[in-house]
């Protein structure tokens, strides 16, 4: 039987994956708009750095949660 913490961690990992993909798309779009000659590069550069920081934070949470889930799975599999 799966513990509720593991189920909620799996749901959170799925949401973080989805959020990370959206954030990565935004970072790539902002990088493209920074290089676009008819756009205000300084405005897009600020957005780029903010969204890059958000993507890094999401990635750190994702990695932490993935490692925790992996350890929980190993612990449950080793006890059997």
PDB file of N, CA and C in Angstrom:
ATOM      1  N   UNK A   1       0.841  -1.185   0.000  1.00  0.00           N
ATOM      2  CA  UNK A   1       0.000   0.000   0.000  1.00  0.00           C
ATOM      3  C   UNK A   1       0.889   1.252   0.000  1.00  0.00           C
ATOM      4  N   UNK A   2       0.511   2.194  -0.796  1.00  0.00           N
ATOM      5  CA  UNK A   2       1.307   3.413  -0.918  1.00  0.00           C
ATOM      6  C   UNK A   2       0.908   4.409   0.160  1.00  0.00           C
ATOM      7  N   UNK A   3       1.918   5.033   0.713  1.00  0.00           N
ATOM      8  CA  UNK A   3       1.635   6.043   1.725  1.00  0.00           C
ATOM      9  C   UNK A   3       1.173   7.332   1.070  1.00  0.00           C
ATOM     10  N   UNK A   4       0.330   8.094   1.770  1.00  0.00           N
ATOM     11  CA  UNK A   4      -0.188   9.342   1.180  1.00  0.00           C
ATOM     12  C   UNK A   4       0.907  10.354   0.838  1.00  0.00           C
ATOM     13  N   UNK A   5       2.000  10.383   1.613  1.00  0.00           N
ATOM     14  CA  UNK A   5       3.083  11.325   1.316  1.00  0.00           C
ATOM     15  C   UNK A   5       3.696  11.033  -0.053  1.00  0.00           C
ATOM     16  N   UNK A   6       3.843   9.761  -0.365  1.00  0.00           N
ATOM     17  CA  UNK A   6       4.442   9.385  -1.641  1.00  0.00           C
ATOM     18  C   UNK A   6       3.506   9.734  -2.792  1.00  0.00           C
ATOM     19  N   UNK A   7       2.219   9.534  -2.593  1.00  0.00           N
ATOM     20  CA  UNK A   7       1.250   9.878  -3.636  1.00  0.00           C
ATOM     21  C   UNK A   7       1.257  11.388  -3.892  1.00  0.00           C
ATOM     22  N   UNK A   8       1.224  12.174  -2.824  1.00  0.00           N
ATOM     23  CA  UNK A   8       1.235  13.628  -2.990  1.00  0.00           C
ATOM     24  C   UNK A   8       2.555  14.115  -3.579  1.00  0.00           C
ATOM     25  N   UNK A   9       3.650  13.454  -3.226  1.00  0.00           N
ATOM     26  CA  UNK A   9       4.940  13.821  -3.812  1.00  0.00           C
ATOM     27  C   UNK A   9       4.954  13.517  -5.309  1.00  0.00           C
ATOM     28  N   UNK A  10       4.325  12.426  -5.714  1.00  0.00           N
ATOM     29  CA  UNK A  10       4.229  12.110  -7.139  1.00  0.00           C
ATOM     30  C   UNK A  10       3.395  13.136  -7.887  1.00  0.00           C
ATOM     31  N   UNK A  11       2.305  13.568  -7.274  1.00  0.00           N
ATOM     32  CA  UNK A  11       1.468  14.612  -7.891  1.00  0.00           C
ATOM     33  C   UNK A  11       2.250  15.919  -7.985  1.00  0.00           C
ATOM     34  N   UNK A  12       2.974  16.259  -6.921  1.00  0.00           N
ATOM     35  CA  UNK A  12       3.770  17.485  -6.936  1.00  0.00           C
ATOM     36  C   UNK A  12       4.872  17.407  -7.991  1.00  0.00           C
ATOM     37  N   UNK A  13       5.464  16.224  -8.157  1.00  0.00           N
ATOM     38  CA  UNK A  13       6.508  16.066  -9.180  1.00  0.00           C
ATOM     39  C   UNK A  13       5.930  16.256 -10.579  1.00  0.00           C
ATOM     40  N   UNK A  14       4.738  15.750 -10.797  1.00  0.00           N
ATOM     41  CA  UNK A  14       4.096  15.931 -12.097  1.00  0.00           C
ATOM     42  C   UNK A  14       3.783  17.410 -12.349  1.00  0.00           C
ATOM     43  N   UNK A  15       3.281  18.105 -11.337  1.00  0.00           N
ATOM     44  CA  UNK A  15       2.991  19.537 -11.486  1.00  0.00           C
ATOM     45  C   UNK A  15       4.259  20.353 -11.687  1.00  0.00           C
ATOM     46  N   UNK A  16       5.323  19.997 -10.962  1.00  0.00           N
ATOM     47  CA  UNK A  16       6.592  20.701 -11.148  1.00  0.00           C
ATOM     48  C   UNK A  16       7.161  20.449 -12.542  1.00  0.00           C
ATOM     49  N   UNK A  17       6.967  19.241 -13.066  1.00  0.00           N
ATOM     50  CA  UNK A  17       7.424  18.947 -14.424  1.00  0.00           C
ATOM     51  C   UNK A  17       6.691  19.823 -15.429  1.00  0.00           C
ATOM     52  N   UNK A  18       5.383  19.895 -15.297  1.00  0.00           N
ATOM     53  CA  UNK A  18       4.583  20.726 -16.193  1.00  0.00           C
ATOM     54  C   UNK A  18       4.959  22.204 -16.063  1.00  0.00           C
ATOM     55  N   UNK A  19       5.088  22.681 -14.832  1.00  0.00           N
ATOM     56  CA  UNK A  19       5.474  24.070 -14.605  1.00  0.00           C
ATOM     57  C   UNK A  19       6.874  24.370 -15.117  1.00  0.00           C
ATOM     58  N   UNK A  20       7.779  23.422 -14.981  1.00  0.00           N
ATOM     59  CA  UNK A  20       9.132  23.606 -15.476  1.00  0.00           C
ATOM     60  C   UNK A  20       9.188  23.692 -16.990  1.00  0.00           C
ATOM     61  N   UNK A  21       8.376  22.885 -17.657  1.00  0.00           N
ATOM     62  CA  UNK A  21       8.340  22.950 -19.119  1.00  0.00           C
ATOM     63  C   UNK A  21       7.792  24.289 -19.600  1.00  0.00           C
ATOM     64  N   UNK A  22       6.752  24.777 -18.951  1.00  0.00           N
ATOM     65  CA  UNK A  22       6.193  26.079 -19.313  1.00  0.00           C
ATOM     66  C   UNK A  22       7.216  27.184 -19.046  1.00  0.00           C
ATOM     67  N   UNK A  23       7.878  27.105 -17.906  1.00  0.00           N
ATOM     68  CA  UNK A  23       8.876  28.110 -17.562  1.00  0.00           C
ATOM     69  C   UNK A  23      10.058  28.078 -18.529  1.00  0.00           C
ATOM     70  N   UNK A  24      10.471  26.886 -18.926  1.00  0.00           N
ATOM     71  CA  UNK A  24      11.559  26.768 -19.900  1.00  0.00           C
ATOM     72  C   UNK A  24      11.153  27.367 -21.247  1.00  0.00           C
ATOM     73  N   UNK A  25       9.919  27.135 -21.655  1.00  0.00           N
ATOM     74  CA  UNK A  25       9.413  27.745 -22.891  1.00  0.00           C
ATOM     75  C   UNK A  25       9.471  29.274 -22.803  1.00  0.00           C
ATOM     76  N   UNK A  26       9.070  29.820 -21.662  1.00  0.00           N
ATOM     77  CA  UNK A  26       9.095  31.268 -21.488  1.00  0.00           C
ATOM     78  C   UNK A  26      10.515  31.819 -21.514  1.00  0.00           C
ATOM     79  N   UNK A  27      11.454  31.084 -20.921  1.00  0.00           N
ATOM     80  CA  UNK A  27      12.851  31.520 -20.935  1.00  0.00           C
ATOM     81  C   UNK A  27      13.380  31.551 -22.367  1.00  0.00           C
ATOM     82  N   UNK A  28      13.078  30.513 -23.132  1.00  0.00           N
ATOM     83  CA  UNK A  28      13.541  30.476 -24.514  1.00  0.00           C
ATOM     84  C   UNK A  28      12.898  31.576 -25.355  1.00  0.00           C
ATOM     85  N   UNK A  29      11.625  31.842 -25.115  1.00  0.00           N
ATOM     86  CA  UNK A  29      10.955  32.921 -25.842  1.00  0.00           C
ATOM     87  C   UNK A  29      11.561  34.277 -25.489  1.00  0.00           C
ATOM     88  N   UNK A  30      11.823  34.487 -24.199  1.00  0.00           N
ATOM     89  CA  UNK A  30      12.430  35.755 -23.782  1.00  0.00           C
ATOM     90  C   UNK A  30      13.827  35.922 -24.365  1.00  0.00           C
ATOM     91  N   UNK A  31      14.593  34.837 -24.442  1.00  0.00           N
ATOM     92  CA  UNK A  31      15.928  34.916 -25.054  1.00  0.00           C
ATOM     93  C   UNK A  31      15.800  35.279 -26.536  1.00  0.00           C
ATOM     94  N   UNK A  32      14.809  34.719 -27.193  1.00  0.00           N
ATOM     95  CA  UNK A  32      14.589  35.030 -28.600  1.00  0.00           C
ATOM     96  C   UNK A  32      14.176  36.493 -28.770  1.00  0.00           C
ATOM     97  N   UNK A  33      13.296  36.981 -27.907  1.00  0.00           N
ATOM     98  CA  UNK A  33      12.846  38.368 -28.007  1.00  0.00           C
ATOM     99  C   UNK A  33      13.963  39.353 -27.651  1.00  0.00           C
ATOM    100  N   UNK A  34      14.891  38.943 -26.811  1.00  0.00           N
ATOM    101  CA  UNK A  34      16.027  39.804 -26.493  1.00  0.00           C
ATOM    102  C   UNK A  34      16.882  40.036 -27.735  1.00  0.00           C
ATOM    103  N   UNK A  35      16.981  39.024 -28.580  1.00  0.00           N
ATOM    104  CA  UNK A  35      17.787  39.144 -29.788  1.00  0.00           C
ATOM    105  C   UNK A  35      17.013  39.738 -30.967  1.00  0.00           C
ATOM    106  N   UNK A  36      15.700  39.876 -30.829  1.00  0.00           N
ATOM    107  CA  UNK A  36      14.877  40.414 -31.922  1.00  0.00           C
ATOM    108  C   UNK A  36      15.198  41.896 -32.102  1.00  0.00           C
ATOM    109  N   UNK A  37      15.509  42.340 -33.313  1.00  0.00           N
ATOM    110  CA  UNK A  37      15.992  43.717 -33.493  1.00  0.00           C
ATOM    111  C   UNK A  37      14.949  44.803 -33.253  1.00  0.00           C
ATOM    112  N   UNK A  38      13.665  44.503 -33.392  1.00  0.00           N
ATOM    113  CA  UNK A  38      12.636  45.538 -33.244  1.00  0.00           C
ATOM    114  C   UNK A  38      11.991  45.562 -31.861  1.00  0.00           C
ATOM    115  N   UNK A  39      12.483  44.739 -30.938  1.00  0.00           N
ATOM    116  CA  UNK A  39      11.931  44.696 -29.584  1.00  0.00           C
ATOM    117  C   UNK A  39      12.823  45.504 -28.642  1.00  0.00           C
ATOM    118  N   UNK A  40      12.249  45.898 -27.519  1.00  0.00           N
ATOM    119  CA  UNK A  40      13.008  46.602 -26.491  1.00  0.00           C
ATOM    120  C   UNK A  40      13.834  45.564 -25.724  1.00  0.00           C
ATOM    121  N   UNK A  41      15.111  45.481 -26.030  1.00  0.00           N
ATOM    122  CA  UNK A  41      15.961  44.422 -25.485  1.00  0.00           C
ATOM    123  C   UNK A  41      16.113  44.516 -23.972  1.00  0.00           C
ATOM    124  N   UNK A  42      16.164  45.711 -23.411  1.00  0.00           N
ATOM    125  CA  UNK A  42      16.350  45.830 -21.961  1.00  0.00           C
ATOM    126  C   UNK A  42      15.126  45.324 -21.199  1.00  0.00           C
ATOM    127  N   UNK A  43      13.945  45.565 -21.734  1.00  0.00           N
ATOM    128  CA  UNK A  43      12.721  45.061 -21.091  1.00  0.00           C
ATOM    129  C   UNK A  43      12.677  43.528 -21.130  1.00  0.00           C
ATOM    130  N   UNK A  44      13.023  42.955 -22.270  1.00  0.00           N
ATOM    131  CA  UNK A  44      12.992  41.499 -22.394  1.00  0.00           C
ATOM    132  C   UNK A  44      14.117  40.834 -21.613  1.00  0.00           C
ATOM    133  N   UNK A  45      15.236  41.544 -21.435  1.00  0.00           N
ATOM    134  CA  UNK A  45      16.343  41.001 -20.658  1.00  0.00           C
ATOM    135  C   UNK A  45      15.934  40.848 -19.190  1.00  0.00           C
ATOM    136  N   UNK A  46      15.206  41.805 -18.657  1.00  0.00           N
ATOM    137  CA  UNK A  46      14.727  41.714 -17.275  1.00  0.00           C
ATOM    138  C   UNK A  46      13.780  40.526 -17.124  1.00  0.00           C
ATOM    139  N   UNK A  47      12.853  40.386 -18.055  1.00  0.00           N
ATOM    140  CA  UNK A  47      11.935  39.239 -18.025  1.00  0.00           C
ATOM    141  C   UNK A  47      12.694  37.920 -18.143  1.00  0.00           C
ATOM    142  N   UNK A  48      13.725  37.920 -18.992  1.00  0.00           N
ATOM    143  CA  UNK A  48      14.531  36.712 -19.167  1.00  0.00           C
ATOM    144  C   UNK A  48      15.173  36.290 -17.850  1.00  0.00           C
ATOM    145  N   UNK A  49      15.790  37.227 -17.137  1.00  0.00           N
ATOM    146  CA  UNK A  49      16.460  36.892 -15.876  1.00  0.00           C
ATOM    147  C   UNK A  49      15.472  36.444 -14.800  1.00  0.00           C
ATOM    148  N   UNK A  50      14.308  37.083 -14.744  1.00  0.00           N
ATOM    149  CA  UNK A  50      13.304  36.685 -13.755  1.00  0.00           C
ATOM    150  C   UNK A  50      12.805  35.271 -14.038  1.00  0.00           C
ATOM    151  N   UNK A  51      12.509  34.995 -15.292  1.00  0.00           N
ATOM    152  CA  UNK A  51      12.009  33.659 -15.648  1.00  0.00           C
ATOM    153  C   UNK A  51      13.100  32.606 -15.572  1.00  0.00           C
ATOM    154  N   UNK A  52      14.334  32.985 -15.813  1.00  0.00           N
ATOM    155  CA  UNK A  52      15.443  32.050 -15.649  1.00  0.00           C
ATOM    156  C   UNK A  52      15.608  31.668 -14.177  1.00  0.00           C
ATOM    157  N   UNK A  53      15.491  32.647 -13.287  1.00  0.00           N
ATOM    158  CA  UNK A  53      15.562  32.361 -11.850  1.00  0.00           C
ATOM    159  C   UNK A  53      14.411  31.454 -11.425  1.00  0.00           C
ATOM    160  N   UNK A  54      13.220  31.704 -11.954  1.00  0.00           N
ATOM    161  CA  UNK A  54      12.069  30.855 -11.646  1.00  0.00           C
ATOM    162  C   UNK A  54      12.300  29.434 -12.128  1.00  0.00           C
ATOM    163  N   UNK A  55      12.855  29.281 -13.312  1.00  0.00           N
ATOM    164  CA  UNK A  55      13.132  27.953 -13.852  1.00  0.00           C
ATOM    165  C   UNK A  55      14.158  27.223 -13.003  1.00  0.00           C
ATOM    166  N   UNK A  56      15.170  27.928 -12.531  1.00  0.00           N
ATOM    167  CA  UNK A  56      16.191  27.308 -11.687  1.00  0.00           C
ATOM    168  C   UNK A  56      15.595  26.857 -10.357  1.00  0.00           C
ATOM    169  N   UNK A  57      14.732  27.670  -9.769  1.00  0.00           N
ATOM    170  CA  UNK A  57      14.087  27.289  -8.508  1.00  0.00           C
ATOM    171  C   UNK A  57      13.205  26.054  -8.710  1.00  0.00           C
ATOM    172  N   UNK A  58      12.448  26.030  -9.785  1.00  0.00           N
ATOM    173  CA  UNK A  58      11.614  24.858 -10.086  1.00  0.00           C
ATOM    174  C   UNK A  58      12.490  23.625 -10.267  1.00  0.00           C
ATOM    175  N   UNK A  59      13.616  23.775 -10.954  1.00  0.00           N
ATOM    176  CA  UNK A  59      14.513  22.642 -11.174  1.00  0.00           C
ATOM    177  C   UNK A  59      15.099  22.126  -9.859  1.00  0.00           C
ATOM    178  N   UNK A  60      15.433  23.031  -8.956  1.00  0.00           N
ATOM    179  CA  UNK A  60      15.956  22.601  -7.656  1.00  0.00           C
ATOM    180  C   UNK A  60      14.902  21.835  -6.854  1.00  0.00           C
ATOM    181  N   UNK A  61      13.673  22.342  -6.833  1.00  0.00           N
ATOM    182  CA  UNK A  61      12.597  21.629  -6.149  1.00  0.00           C
ATOM    183  C   UNK A  61      12.337  20.273  -6.804  1.00  0.00           C
ATOM    184  N   UNK A  62      12.362  20.239  -8.132  1.00  0.00           N
ATOM    185  CA  UNK A  62      12.114  18.999  -8.861  1.00  0.00           C
ATOM    186  C   UNK A  62      13.177  17.954  -8.524  1.00  0.00           C
ATOM    187  N   UNK A  63      14.443  18.363  -8.541  1.00  0.00           N
ATOM    188  CA  UNK A  63      15.534  17.422  -8.229  1.00  0.00           C
ATOM    189  C   UNK A  63      15.456  16.922  -6.792  1.00  0.00           C
ATOM    190  N   UNK A  64      15.166  17.815  -5.871  1.00  0.00           N
ATOM    191  CA  UNK A  64      15.040  17.423  -4.470  1.00  0.00           C
ATOM    192  C   UNK A  64      13.912  16.414  -4.290  1.00  0.00           C
ATOM    193  N   UNK A  65      12.785  16.677  -4.889  1.00  0.00           N
ATOM    194  CA  UNK A  65      11.641  15.780  -4.767  1.00  0.00           C
ATOM    195  C   UNK A  65      11.898  14.450  -5.462  1.00  0.00           C
ATOM    196  N   UNK A  66      12.564  14.473  -6.607  1.00  0.00           N
ATOM    197  CA  UNK A  66      12.863  13.228  -7.315  1.00  0.00           C
ATOM    198  C   UNK A  66      13.822  12.356  -6.507  1.00  0.00           C
ATOM    199  N   UNK A  67      14.829  12.961  -5.896  1.00  0.00           N
ATOM    200  CA  UNK A  67      15.764  12.196  -5.061  1.00  0.00           C
ATOM    201  C   UNK A  67      15.039  11.628  -3.854  1.00  0.00           C
ATOM    202  N   UNK A  68      14.172  12.411  -3.232  1.00  0.00           N
ATOM    203  CA  UNK A  68      13.420  11.927  -2.075  1.00  0.00           C
ATOM    204  C   UNK A  68      12.525  10.745  -2.459  1.00  0.00           C
ATOM    205  N   UNK A  69      11.833  10.856  -3.582  1.00  0.00           N
ATOM    206  CA  UNK A  69      10.987   9.749  -4.035  1.00  0.00           C
ATOM    207  C   UNK A  69      11.810   8.506  -4.354  1.00  0.00           C
ATOM    208  N   UNK A  70      12.972   8.683  -4.957  1.00  0.00           N
ATOM    209  CA  UNK A  70      13.838   7.550  -5.268  1.00  0.00           C
ATOM    210  C   UNK A  70      14.297   6.859  -3.989  1.00  0.00           C
ATOM    211  N   UNK A  71      14.655   7.633  -2.981  1.00  0.00           N
ATOM    212  CA  UNK A  71      15.074   7.040  -1.705  1.00  0.00           C
ATOM    213  C   UNK A  71      13.917   6.329  -1.013  1.00  0.00           C
ATOM    214  N   UNK A  72      12.726   6.879  -1.116  1.00  0.00           N
ATOM    215  CA  UNK A  72      11.568   6.222  -0.511  1.00  0.00           C
ATOM    216  C   UNK A  72      11.282   4.900  -1.205  1.00  0.00           C
ATOM    217  N   UNK A  73      11.440   4.875  -2.520  1.00  0.00           N
ATOM    218  CA  UNK A  73      11.199   3.647  -3.271  1.00  0.00           C
ATOM    219  C   UNK A  73      12.243   2.595  -2.934  1.00  0.00           C
ATOM    220  N   UNK A  74      13.510   3.015  -2.814  1.00  0.00           N
ATOM    221  CA  UNK A  74      14.568   2.065  -2.450  1.00  0.00           C
ATOM    222  C   UNK A  74      14.359   1.526  -1.050  1.00  0.00           C
ATOM    223  N   UNK A  75      13.930   2.410  -0.138  1.00  0.00           N
ATOM    224  CA  UNK A  75      13.696   1.975   1.250  1.00  0.00           C
ATOM    225  C   UNK A  75      12.549   0.973   1.317  1.00  0.00           C
ATOM    226  N   UNK A  76      11.490   1.235   0.581  1.00  0.00           N
ATOM    227  CA  UNK A  76      10.339   0.325   0.577  1.00  0.00           C
ATOM    228  C   UNK A  76      10.683  -0.991  -0.107  1.00  0.00           C
ATOM    229  N   UNK A  77      11.498  -0.939  -1.179  1.00  0.00           N
ATOM    230  CA  UNK A  77      11.879  -2.154  -1.890  1.00  0.00           C
ATOM    231  C   UNK A  77      12.879  -2.971  -1.118  1.00  0.00           C
ATOM    232  N   UNK A  78      13.740  -2.339  -0.325  1.00  0.00           N
ATOM    233  CA  UNK A  78      14.757  -3.059   0.449  1.00  0.00           C
ATOM    234  C   UNK A  78      14.181  -3.745   1.671  1.00  0.00           C
ATOM    235  N   UNK A  79      13.038  -3.266   2.170  1.00  0.00           N
ATOM    236  CA  UNK A  79      12.427  -3.843   3.370  1.00  0.00           C
ATOM    237  C   UNK A  79      11.710  -5.146   3.062  1.00  0.00           C
ATOM    238  N   UNK A  80      11.386  -5.399   1.805  1.00  0.00           N
ATOM    239  CA  UNK A  80      10.639  -6.603   1.459  1.00  0.00           C
ATOM    240  C   UNK A  80      11.496  -7.805   1.344  1.00  0.00           C
TER     241      UNK A  80
END
